[in-house]
C-alpha atoms as a PDB file:
ATOM      1  CA  MET A   1       0.115   0.046   0.043  1.00  0.00           C
ATOM      2  CA  GLU A   2       1.372   3.389  -0.839  1.00  0.00           C
ATOM      3  CA  LYS A   3       1.248   6.028   1.627  1.00  0.00           C
ATOM      4  CA  VAL A   4       2.336   9.638   2.553  1.00  0.00           C
ATOM      5  CA  MET A   5       3.478  11.386   5.845  1.00  0.00           C
ATOM      6  CA  ILE A   6       1.329  14.392   6.663  1.00  0.00           C
ATOM      7  CA  PHE A   7       2.586  17.324   8.954  1.00  0.00           C
ATOM      8  CA  ASN A   8       1.451  20.961   9.511  1.00  0.00           C
ATOM      9  CA  VAL A   9       3.888  23.869   9.459  1.00  0.00           C
ATOM     10  CA  SER A  10       2.965  27.292  10.857  1.00  0.00           C
ATOM     11  CA  SER A  11       4.356  30.500  12.251  1.00  0.00           C
ATOM     12  CA  ARG A  12       3.493  33.911  13.317  1.00  0.00           C
ATOM     13  CA  PHE A  13       5.155  35.420  10.259  1.00  0.00           C
ATOM     14  CA  ALA A  14       7.033  34.119   7.121  1.00  0.00           C
ATOM     15  CA  ILE A  15       9.000  35.767   4.272  1.00  0.00           C
ATOM     16  CA  PHE A  16       9.760  33.808   1.213  1.00  0.00           C
ATOM     17  CA  ARG A  17      11.473  36.491  -0.697  1.00  0.00           C
ATOM     18  CA  LYS A  18      11.029  36.905  -4.524  1.00  0.00           C
ATOM     19  CA  PRO A  19      14.422  37.134  -6.056  1.00  0.00           C
ATOM     20  CA  TYR A  20      13.436  39.849  -8.416  1.00  0.00           C
ATOM     21  CA  SER A  21      12.326  42.169  -5.703  1.00  0.00           C
ATOM     22  CA  THR A  22      15.203  44.427  -4.428  1.00  0.00           C
ATOM     23  CA  THR A  23      14.489  47.695  -2.927  1.00  0.00           C
ATOM     24  CA  SER A  24      11.013  46.412  -1.751  1.00  0.00           C
ATOM     25  CA  SER A  25      10.931  42.922  -0.685  1.00  0.00           C
ATOM     26  CA  LEU A  26       7.987  40.825  -1.885  1.00  0.00           C
ATOM     27  CA  SER A  27       7.093  37.459  -0.800  1.00  0.00           C
ATOM     28  CA  TYR A  28       5.661  34.343  -2.314  1.00  0.00           C
ATOM     29  CA  ASP A  29       2.361  33.166  -0.827  1.00  0.00           C
ATOM     30  CA  PHE A  30       3.705  29.758   0.164  1.00  0.00           C
ATOM     31  CA  PRO A  31       7.015  28.097   0.569  1.00  0.00           C
ATOM     32  CA  PRO A  32       8.756  26.904  -2.571  1.00  0.00           C
ATOM     33  CA  ARG A  33       9.587  23.239  -2.986  1.00  0.00           C
ATOM     34  CA  THR A  34      13.451  24.342  -2.410  1.00  0.00           C
ATOM     35  CA  VAL A  35      12.374  25.869   0.924  1.00  0.00           C
ATOM     36  CA  VAL A  36      10.365  22.782   2.095  1.00  0.00           C
ATOM     37  CA  ILE A  37      13.312  20.546   1.364  1.00  0.00           C
ATOM     38  CA  GLY A  38      15.680  22.776   3.280  1.00  0.00           C
ATOM     39  CA  MET A  39      13.429  22.669   6.279  1.00  0.00           C
ATOM     40  CA  ILE A  40      13.271  18.986   6.080  1.00  0.00           C
ATOM     41  CA  ALA A  41      17.076  18.891   5.925  1.00  0.00           C
ATOM     42  CA  ALA A  42      17.320  21.126   9.095  1.00  0.00           C
ATOM     43  CA  VAL A  43      14.996  18.860  11.079  1.00  0.00           C
ATOM     44  CA  ILE A  44      16.694  15.852  10.412  1.00  0.00           C
ATOM     45  CA  GLY A  45      20.261  17.386  10.481  1.00  0.00           C
ATOM     46  CA  LEU A  46      21.694  16.939   6.848  1.00  0.00           C
ATOM     47  CA  ASP A  47      24.975  18.561   6.127  1.00  0.00           C
ATOM     48  CA  ASN A  48      24.600  21.783   4.055  1.00  0.00           C
ATOM     49  CA  GLY A  49      28.261  21.680   2.967  1.00  0.00           C
ATOM     50  CA  GLY A  50      29.456  24.742   4.626  1.00  0.00           C
ATOM     51  CA  GLY A  51      26.414  27.219   4.077  1.00  0.00           C
ATOM     52  CA  LYS A  52      25.703  25.496   0.786  1.00  0.00           C
ATOM     53  CA  ALA A  53      22.961  23.115  -0.298  1.00  0.00           C
ATOM     54  CA  LYS A  54      24.730  19.695  -0.217  1.00  0.00           C
ATOM     55  CA  TYR A  55      21.427  18.166   1.280  1.00  0.00           C
ATOM     56  CA  PHE A  56      19.406  18.763  -1.830  1.00  0.00           C
ATOM     57  CA  GLU A  57      21.010  16.020  -3.742  1.00  0.00           C
ATOM     58  CA  GLU A  58      19.782  13.631  -1.054  1.00  0.00           C
ATOM     59  CA  LEU A  59      16.368  14.828  -1.046  1.00  0.00           C
ATOM     60  CA  LYS A  60      15.720  16.154  -4.490  1.00  0.00           C
ATOM     61  CA  ASP A  61      13.708  13.070  -5.402  1.00  0.00           C
ATOM     62  CA  LEU A  62      11.046  13.715  -2.717  1.00  0.00           C
ATOM     63  CA  LYS A  63       7.488  13.825  -3.903  1.00  0.00           C
ATOM     64  CA  ILE A  64       5.859  16.752  -1.950  1.00  0.00           C
ATOM     65  CA  ALA A  65       2.381  18.123  -2.012  1.00  0.00           C
ATOM     66  CA  LEU A  66       1.422  21.427  -0.164  1.00  0.00           C
ATOM     67  CA  GLU A  67      -1.940  22.595   0.910  1.00  0.00           C
ATOM     68  CA  ILE A  68      -2.516  26.057   2.091  1.00  0.00           C
ATOM     69  CA  LEU A  69      -4.557  25.994   5.455  1.00  0.00           C
ATOM     70  CA  ASN A  70      -4.876  29.503   6.432  1.00  0.00           C
ATOM     71  CA  PRO A  71      -5.956  32.290   3.866  1.00  0.00           C
ATOM     72  CA  VAL A  72      -2.908  34.295   2.795  1.00  0.00           C
ATOM     73  CA  MET A  73      -2.673  37.714   4.596  1.00  0.00           C
ATOM     74  CA  LYS A  74       0.162  40.007   4.028  1.00  0.00           C
ATOM     75  CA  LYS A  75       1.702  43.195   5.673  1.00  0.00           C
ATOM     76  CA  ARG A  76       4.374  45.417   4.632  1.00  0.00           C
ATOM     77  CA  THR A  77       6.659  46.753   7.366  1.00  0.00           C
ATOM     78  CA  VAL A  78      10.302  48.377   7.474  1.00  0.00           C
ATOM     79  CA  PHE A  79      13.357  46.678   8.450  1.00  0.00           C
ATOM     80  CA  ASN A  80      16.415  48.601   9.670  1.00  0.00           C
ATOM     81  CA  ASN A  81      19.340  46.680   8.249  1.00  0.00           C
ATOM     82  CA  LEU A  82      23.035  47.259   8.644  1.00  0.00           C
ATOM     83  CA  ASN A  83      24.791  48.563   5.737  1.00  0.00           C
ATOM     84  CA  THR A  84      28.176  46.386   5.444  1.00  0.00           C
ATOM     85  CA  LYS A  85      29.362  47.952   2.106  1.00  0.00           C
ATOM     86  CA  SER A  86      32.740  49.739   2.389  1.00  0.00           C
ATOM     87  CA  HIS A  87      32.571  53.519   2.056  1.00  0.00           C
ATOM     88  CA  ALA A  88      28.700  53.569   2.749  1.00  0.00           C
ATOM     89  CA  SER A  89      27.253  56.864   3.260  1.00  0.00           C
ATOM     90  CA  SER A  90      25.031  55.585   5.845  1.00  0.00           C
ATOM     91  CA  ARG A  91      25.395  52.546   8.320  1.00  0.00           C
ATOM     92  CA  HIS A  92      21.761  51.488   7.931  1.00  0.00           C
ATOM     93  CA  ILE A  93      19.355  50.639   5.192  1.00  0.00           C
ATOM     94  CA  LEU A  94      15.649  50.958   5.416  1.00  0.00           C
ATOM     95  CA  THR A  95      13.953  48.139   3.396  1.00  0.00           C
ATOM     96  CA  ILE A  96      10.292  47.752   2.987  1.00  0.00           C
ATOM     97  CA  THR A  97       9.534  44.189   3.306  1.00  0.00           C
ATOM     98  CA  GLU A  98       6.303  42.146   2.613  1.00  0.00           C
ATOM     99  CA  MET A  99       5.472  39.661   5.487  1.00  0.00           C
ATOM    100  CA  LEU A 100       3.018  36.748   5.467  1.00  0.00           C
ATOM    101  CA  ILE A 101       0.646  36.873   8.620  1.00  0.00           C
ATOM    102  CA  ASN A 102      -0.242  33.581  10.561  1.00  0.00           C
ATOM    103  CA  PRO A 103       0.755  31.420   7.675  1.00  0.00           C
ATOM    104  CA  ALA A 104      -0.199  27.633   7.909  1.00  0.00           C
ATOM    105  CA  TYR A 105       0.333  24.835   5.476  1.00  0.00           C
ATOM    106  CA  ARG A 106      -0.011  21.143   5.393  1.00  0.00           C
ATOM    107  CA  ILE A 107       2.821  19.260   3.889  1.00  0.00           C
ATOM    108  CA  TYR A 108       2.388  15.730   2.154  1.00  0.00           C
ATOM    109  CA  ILE A 109       5.428  13.553   1.504  1.00  0.00           C
ATOM    110  CA  TRP A 110       5.550  10.353  -0.282  1.00  0.00           C
ATOM    111  CA  TYR A 111       7.434   7.441   1.421  1.00  0.00           C
ATOM    112  CA  ASN A 112       9.919   7.228  -1.635  1.00  0.00           C
ATOM    113  CA  ASN A 113      13.040   8.113   0.455  1.00  0.00           C
ATOM    114  CA  GLU A 114      14.459   6.619   3.660  1.00  0.00           C
ATOM    115  CA  LYS A 115      14.652  10.109   5.023  1.00  0.00           C
ATOM    116  CA  VAL A 116      11.189  10.415   5.337  1.00  0.00           C
ATOM    117  CA  GLU A 117      10.876   7.587   8.268  1.00  0.00           C
ATOM    118  CA  LEU A 118      13.710   9.664  10.020  1.00  0.00           C
ATOM    119  CA  LEU A 119      11.732  12.855   9.487  1.00  0.00           C
ATOM    120  CA  LYS A 120       8.640  11.155  11.141  1.00  0.00           C
ATOM    121  CA  LYS A 121      10.694  10.143  14.265  1.00  0.00           C
ATOM    122  CA  PHE A 122      11.855  13.685  14.734  1.00  0.00           C
ATOM    123  CA  LEU A 123       8.358  15.158  14.266  1.00  0.00           C
ATOM    124  CA  ALA A 124       6.732  12.534  16.620  1.00  0.00           C
ATOM    125  CA  LYS A 125       9.297  13.521  19.418  1.00  0.00           C
ATOM    126  CA  LYS A 126       8.658  17.443  18.665  1.00  0.00           C
ATOM    127  CA  GLU A 127      12.410  17.492  18.012  1.00  0.00           C
ATOM    128  CA  SER A 128      14.681  18.870  15.208  1.00  0.00           C
ATOM    129  CA  TYR A 129      18.273  18.932  14.789  1.00  0.00           C
ATOM    130  CA  TYR A 130      18.535  22.493  13.482  1.00  0.00           C
ATOM    131  CA  THR A 131      15.782  25.090  13.961  1.00  0.00           C
ATOM    132  CA  PRO A 132      13.409  25.201  11.064  1.00  0.00           C
ATOM    133  CA  TYR A 133      11.985  28.548   9.855  1.00  0.00           C
ATOM    134  CA  LEU A 134       9.822  29.860   7.253  1.00  0.00           C
ATOM    135  CA  GLY A 135      12.071  31.930   5.086  1.00  0.00           C
ATOM    136  CA  VAL A 136      14.120  33.891   7.431  1.00  0.00           C
ATOM    137  CA  SER A 137      15.664  32.913  10.770  1.00  0.00           C
ATOM    138  CA  ASN A 138      13.359  35.141  12.833  1.00  0.00           C
ATOM    139  CA  CYS A 139      10.385  33.346  11.523  1.00  0.00           C
ATOM    140  CA  ILE A 140      10.630  30.230  13.519  1.00  0.00           C
ATOM    141  CA  ALA A 141       8.526  27.351  12.282  1.00  0.00           C
ATOM    142  CA  LYS A 142       6.153  25.100  14.391  1.00  0.00           C
ATOM    143  CA  LEU A 143       5.837  21.498  12.926  1.00  0.00           C
ATOM    144  CA  ASP A 144       3.229  19.367  14.058  1.00  0.00           C
ATOM    145  CA  LEU A 145       2.954  15.723  12.744  1.00  0.00           C
ATOM    146  CA  VAL A 146      -0.535  14.731  11.656  1.00  0.00           C
ATOM    147  CA  GLY A 147       0.207  11.142  10.801  1.00  0.00           C
ATOM    148  CA  ASP A 148       0.373   8.602   7.725  1.00  0.00           C
ATOM    149  CA  SER A 149      -2.304   8.129   5.065  1.00  0.00           C
ATOM    150  CA  LYS A 150      -2.710   5.827   2.310  1.00  0.00           C
ATOM    151  CA  ILE A 151      -2.574   7.575  -1.278  1.00  0.00           C
ATOM    152  CA  GLU A 152      -3.948   6.273  -4.473  1.00  0.00           C
ATOM    153  CA  GLU A 153      -3.862   7.387  -8.014  1.00  0.00           C
ATOM    154  CA  ILE A 154      -7.320   8.349  -9.302  1.00  0.00           C
ATOM    155  CA  ASP A 155      -8.765   8.947 -12.604  1.00  0.00           C
ATOM    156  CA  PRO A 156      -9.446  12.591 -13.099  1.00  0.00           C
ATOM    157  CA  LYS A 157     -13.250  13.731 -13.361  1.00  0.00           C
ATOM    158  CA  GLU A 158     -14.618  16.717 -15.247  1.00  0.00           C
ATOM    159  CA  GLY A 159     -13.779  19.748 -13.350  1.00  0.00           C
ATOM    160  CA  MET A 160     -12.216  18.108 -10.148  1.00  0.00           C
ATOM    161  CA  VAL A 161     -11.334  20.424  -7.345  1.00  0.00           C
ATOM    162  CA  VAL A 162      -7.794  19.729  -6.101  1.00  0.00           C
ATOM    163  CA  ASN A 163      -6.730  21.011  -2.665  1.00  0.00           C
ATOM    164  CA  SER A 164      -3.057  21.417  -3.072  1.00  0.00           C
ATOM    165  CA  VAL A 165      -1.052  23.908  -5.213  1.00  0.00           C
ATOM    166  CA  ILE A 166      -0.891  22.487  -8.621  1.00  0.00           C
ATOM    167  CA  PRO A 167       2.003  22.624 -11.382  1.00  0.00           C
ATOM    168  CA  ARG A 168       0.207  24.531 -14.143  1.00  0.00           C
ATOM    169  CA  SER A 169       1.687  21.963 -16.683  1.00  0.00           C
ATOM    170  CA  ASP A 170      -0.519  19.166 -15.336  1.00  0.00           C
ATOM    171  CA  PHE A 171      -3.820  20.603 -16.042  1.00  0.00           C
ATOM    172  CA  PHE A 172      -6.532  22.768 -17.820  1.00  0.00           C
ATOM    173  CA  PHE A 173      -7.589  25.492 -15.635  1.00  0.00           C
ATOM    174  CA  VAL A 174     -11.462  25.647 -14.931  1.00  0.00           C
ATOM    175  CA  PRO A 175     -12.662  28.933 -13.384  1.00  0.00           C
ATOM    176  CA  MET A 176     -15.473  28.881 -10.584  1.00  0.00           C
ATOM    177  CA  PRO A 177     -17.504  31.710  -9.717  1.00  0.00           C
ATOM    178  CA  SER A 178     -16.737  33.826  -6.618  1.00  0.00           C
ATOM    179  CA  GLN A 179     -13.243  32.230  -6.350  1.00  0.00           C
ATOM    180  CA  LYS A 180      -9.859  33.848  -6.312  1.00  0.00           C
ATOM    181  CA  TYR A 181      -7.046  32.105  -8.198  1.00  0.00           C
ATOM    182  CA  VAL A 182      -3.274  32.984  -8.357  1.00  0.00           C
ATOM    183  CA  PHE A 183      -0.625  31.911 -11.008  1.00  0.00           C
ATOM    184  CA  ASP A 184       2.996  32.387  -9.670  1.00  0.00           C
ATOM    185  CA  THR A 185       6.359  31.036 -10.928  1.00  0.00           C
ATOM    186  CA  LEU A 186       8.413  29.724  -7.918  1.00  0.00           C
ATOM    187  CA  PRO A 187      11.796  28.119  -7.656  1.00  0.00           C
ATOM    188  CA  TYR A 188      11.834  24.331  -8.040  1.00  0.00           C
ATOM    189  CA  GLU A 189      15.243  22.901  -7.998  1.00  0.00           C
ATOM    190  CA  ILE A 190      18.905  24.302  -6.956  1.00  0.00           C
ATOM    191  CA  SER A 191      22.444  22.989  -7.180  1.00  0.00           C
ATOM    192  CA  PRO A 192      24.404  21.667  -4.165  1.00  0.00           C
ATOM    193  CA  THR A 193      26.478  25.020  -4.551  1.00  0.00           C
ATOM    194  CA  ARG A 194      23.016  26.862  -3.937  1.00  0.00           C
ATOM    195  CA  GLU A 195      22.609  28.020  -7.686  1.00  0.00           C
ATOM    196  CA  PHE A 196      19.333  28.302  -9.395  1.00  0.00           C
ATOM    197  CA  VAL A 197      18.337  25.433 -11.675  1.00  0.00           C
ATOM    198  CA  SER A 198      15.032  25.411 -12.575  1.00  0.00           C
ATOM    199  CA  ASN A 199      11.518  27.093 -11.901  1.00  0.00           C
ATOM    200  CA  LYS A 200       7.817  25.701 -12.161  1.00  0.00           C
ATOM    201  CA  GLU A 201       4.454  27.767 -12.594  1.00  0.00           C
ATOM    202  CA  TYR A 202       1.810  26.985 -10.009  1.00  0.00           C
ATOM    203  CA  VAL A 203      -1.837  27.887  -9.720  1.00  0.00           C
ATOM    204  CA  TYR A 204      -3.551  28.057  -6.178  1.00  0.00           C
ATOM    205  CA  ASN A 205      -6.444  29.497  -4.211  1.00  0.00           C
ATOM    206  CA  PRO A 206      -4.846  32.002  -1.688  1.00  0.00           C
ATOM    207  CA  ASN A 207      -7.936  31.449   0.378  1.00  0.00           C
ATOM    208  CA  GLY A 208      -7.322  27.636   0.748  1.00  0.00           C
ATOM    209  CA  GLY A 209     -10.454  26.458  -1.114  1.00  0.00           C
ATOM    210  CA  GLY A 210      -8.896  24.327  -3.778  1.00  0.00           C
ATOM    211  CA  VAL A 211      -8.840  24.869  -7.497  1.00  0.00           C
ATOM    212  CA  LYS A 212     -10.880  23.368 -10.156  1.00  0.00           C
ATOM    213  CA  VAL A 213      -9.242  21.770 -13.081  1.00  0.00           C
ATOM    214  CA  LYS A 214      -9.212  19.359 -15.785  1.00  0.00           C
ATOM    215  CA  PHE A 215      -6.063  17.217 -15.872  1.00  0.00           C
ATOM    216  CA  GLN A 216      -4.120  16.409 -18.943  1.00  0.00           C
ATOM    217  CA  GLU A 217      -1.707  13.407 -19.011  1.00  0.00           C
ATOM    218  CA  LYS A 218      -0.846  13.241 -15.287  1.00  0.00           C
ATOM    219  CA  LYS A 219      -3.292  12.120 -12.808  1.00  0.00           C
ATOM    220  CA  PRO A 220      -4.195  13.347  -9.355  1.00  0.00           C
ATOM    221  CA  PHE A 221      -4.076  11.459  -6.174  1.00  0.00           C
ATOM    222  CA  LYS A 222      -6.374  10.848  -3.189  1.00  0.00           C
ATOM    223  CA  VAL A 223      -5.576  10.353   0.351  1.00  0.00           C
ATOM    224  CA  SER A 224      -7.683   8.874   3.062  1.00  0.00           C
ATOM    225  CA  ASN A 225      -9.167  12.171   4.326  1.00  0.00           C
ATOM    226  CA  GLY A 226     -10.653  12.587   0.838  1.00  0.00           C
ATOM    227  CA  LYS A 227      -8.323  15.488  -0.153  1.00  0.00           C
ATOM    228  CA  ILE A 228      -7.410  15.610  -3.870  1.00  0.00           C
ATOM    229  CA  LEU A 229      -3.565  16.348  -4.361  1.00  0.00           C
ATOM    230  CA  SER A 230      -0.959  17.152  -7.209  1.00  0.00           C
ATOM    231  CA  PHE A 231       2.675  16.882  -6.257  1.00  0.00           C
ATOM    232  CA  MET A 232       5.131  20.026  -6.488  1.00  0.00           C
END
């Protein structure tokens, strides 16, 4: 029987900075796949290779699905950062930064990697090797193990509502009345030296209500609680 491990991750604040935003920092609405893998590596204590991303090679085959639990809320605030440039005219830089307020997500991970069992042991004991956080180190993450669930591939129906964020390449989008949808492109893969490798475009409902789609070649998956998923 195929199964997934499920856990919730939340915090008071989160910042998943979009790399193309400089003077004013903008945030993605949910953690990119690269962030989720980094958080898992922190919990189980994988070596980052001296500030790089050595752990990514060990975890890059993970099948991860992400569900938005709390409606996305954002607030802009000003950070007073230290200017470390030589010959700077000022010792401080004021940066307008977009923050997520009370973010909460549900993560589904397929048991296709031996590290998943190790992650489950850490979460069951409410322990972590390193401190996990959501985007920046002052946004400490709270991780709660939900448990295991069987998962099965299903034949897509016309206009099926999927509860997770969905890669846009997997489906035809079907708008629903009075629903909000967002299309965004997020990092998908990085190299062991922390260099960008690839992006992937997703569609999601920022209010957490799911997205109605028609699948193309790939099929969706269903877990025991009835939720329909598509993997990142």
